[in-house]
Protein backbone atom coordinates (compact mmCIF):
# COMPACT_ATOMS: atom_id res chain seq x y z
CA MET A 1 -1.73 -6.30 2.43
CA ASN A 2 -3.64 -9.41 1.40
CA THR A 3 -5.84 -11.64 3.56
CA TYR A 4 -4.85 -15.25 4.30
CA VAL A 5 -6.24 -18.25 6.15
CA ILE A 6 -3.64 -20.22 8.14
CA LEU A 7 -4.52 -23.77 9.11
CA ARG A 8 -2.76 -25.12 12.22
CA ARG A 9 -3.96 -28.70 12.93
CA SER A 10 -3.38 -30.21 16.40
CA GLY A 11 -0.82 -27.50 17.11
CA TRP A 12 -1.21 -27.51 20.90
CA ARG A 13 -1.72 -30.14 23.58
CA SER A 14 -4.14 -27.96 25.54
CA PRO A 15 -5.98 -24.63 25.48
CA GLY A 16 -3.40 -23.31 27.97
CA ASP A 17 -0.57 -24.05 25.52
CA LEU A 18 -2.54 -22.22 22.83
CA GLU A 19 -3.00 -19.21 25.11
CA THR A 20 0.77 -18.98 25.63
CA ALA A 21 1.38 -19.30 21.89
CA ALA A 22 -1.22 -16.61 21.16
CA GLU A 23 0.66 -14.15 23.35
CA ARG A 24 3.92 -14.90 21.50
CA SER A 25 2.10 -14.45 18.19
CA ARG A 26 0.66 -11.10 19.23
CA GLN A 27 4.00 -9.87 20.53
CA VAL A 28 5.97 -10.83 17.40
CA GLY A 29 3.30 -9.40 15.10
CA ASP A 30 2.85 -6.13 16.99
CA GLU A 31 6.44 -5.47 18.05
CA GLU A 32 8.67 -7.08 15.42
CA MET A 33 6.66 -7.34 12.18
CA SER A 34 3.92 -4.70 12.39
CA ASP A 35 4.58 -3.49 8.83
CA ASP A 36 4.26 -7.02 7.39
CA ILE A 37 1.56 -8.87 9.29
CA ARG A 38 -1.66 -8.30 11.23
CA TRP A 39 -3.58 -10.96 13.15
CA ILE A 40 -7.33 -10.50 12.62
CA ARG A 41 -8.97 -13.46 14.41
CA SER A 42 -8.70 -17.18 15.08
CA TYR A 43 -11.14 -20.03 15.49
CA VAL A 44 -10.05 -22.80 17.86
CA LEU A 45 -10.62 -26.36 16.64
CA GLU A 46 -11.33 -29.36 18.86
CA GLU A 47 -8.89 -31.95 17.57
CA GLY A 48 -9.62 -34.82 19.97
CA GLY A 49 -7.64 -36.12 22.91
CA GLY A 50 -7.62 -32.63 24.44
CA SER A 51 -5.45 -31.10 21.71
CA VAL A 52 -6.52 -28.02 19.80
CA GLY A 53 -5.78 -26.51 16.41
CA THR A 54 -6.70 -23.21 14.83
CA VAL A 55 -7.95 -21.58 11.67
CA CYS A 56 -6.42 -18.09 11.72
CA ILE A 57 -7.22 -15.04 9.63
CA TYR A 58 -4.28 -12.73 8.98
CA GLN A 59 -3.47 -9.83 6.74
CA ALA A 60 0.10 -9.93 5.47
CA THR A 61 2.39 -8.67 2.76
CA SER A 62 3.04 -12.25 1.58
CA PRO A 63 2.80 -15.94 2.51
CA GLU A 64 6.52 -15.75 3.29
CA ALA A 65 5.82 -13.07 5.93
CA ILE A 66 3.27 -15.39 7.54
CA ARG A 67 5.79 -18.23 7.65
CA GLU A 68 8.49 -15.93 9.05
CA HIS A 69 6.09 -14.73 11.75
CA ALA A 70 5.22 -18.34 12.63
CA GLU A 71 8.90 -19.27 12.86
CA ARG A 72 9.72 -16.29 15.10
CA ALA A 73 6.70 -17.02 17.34
CA ASP A 74 7.32 -20.81 17.33
CA LEU A 75 3.92 -21.58 15.77
CA PRO A 76 3.02 -24.49 13.48
CA VAL A 77 1.80 -23.79 9.94
CA ASP A 78 0.14 -26.59 8.00
CA GLU A 79 -1.26 -24.49 5.18
CA VAL A 80 -1.43 -20.84 4.06
CA ILE A 81 -4.37 -20.08 1.77
CA PRO A 82 -4.95 -16.71 0.07
CA VAL A 83 -8.49 -15.35 0.49
CA ALA A 84 -10.06 -14.44 -2.85
CA ASP A 85 -13.11 -12.64 -1.49
CA THR A 86 -15.34 -12.28 1.58
CA VAL A 87 -19.05 -13.03 1.82
CA LEU A 88 -20.46 -11.79 5.10
CA VAL A 89 -23.88 -13.24 5.87
CA ARG A 90 -23.84 -12.50 9.61
CA PRO A 91 -21.24 -11.16 12.01
CA ASP A 92 -19.23 -13.71 14.00
CA PRO A 93 -21.14 -14.97 17.05
CA GLU A 94 -19.83 -13.83 20.39
């Protein structure tokens, strides 16, 4: 599997909508596509007007698998970017 960044701008009207979408994403990834995709983490973006977007880190067999997962889970996808390398300066803050 390769690592990808998925950009989802202004995908949800509220954090509650995002929470519901996250559960769908987890379910589809774990139960329907576990051989093709693995959700690693997401960063929630303040988009203004109360809406939120995300920058998500996934491992997947291909960009097409990411788009299929998003379609099955009813998630927006603005951009899928392959990760070339990782530079870890500090662990993510809690």
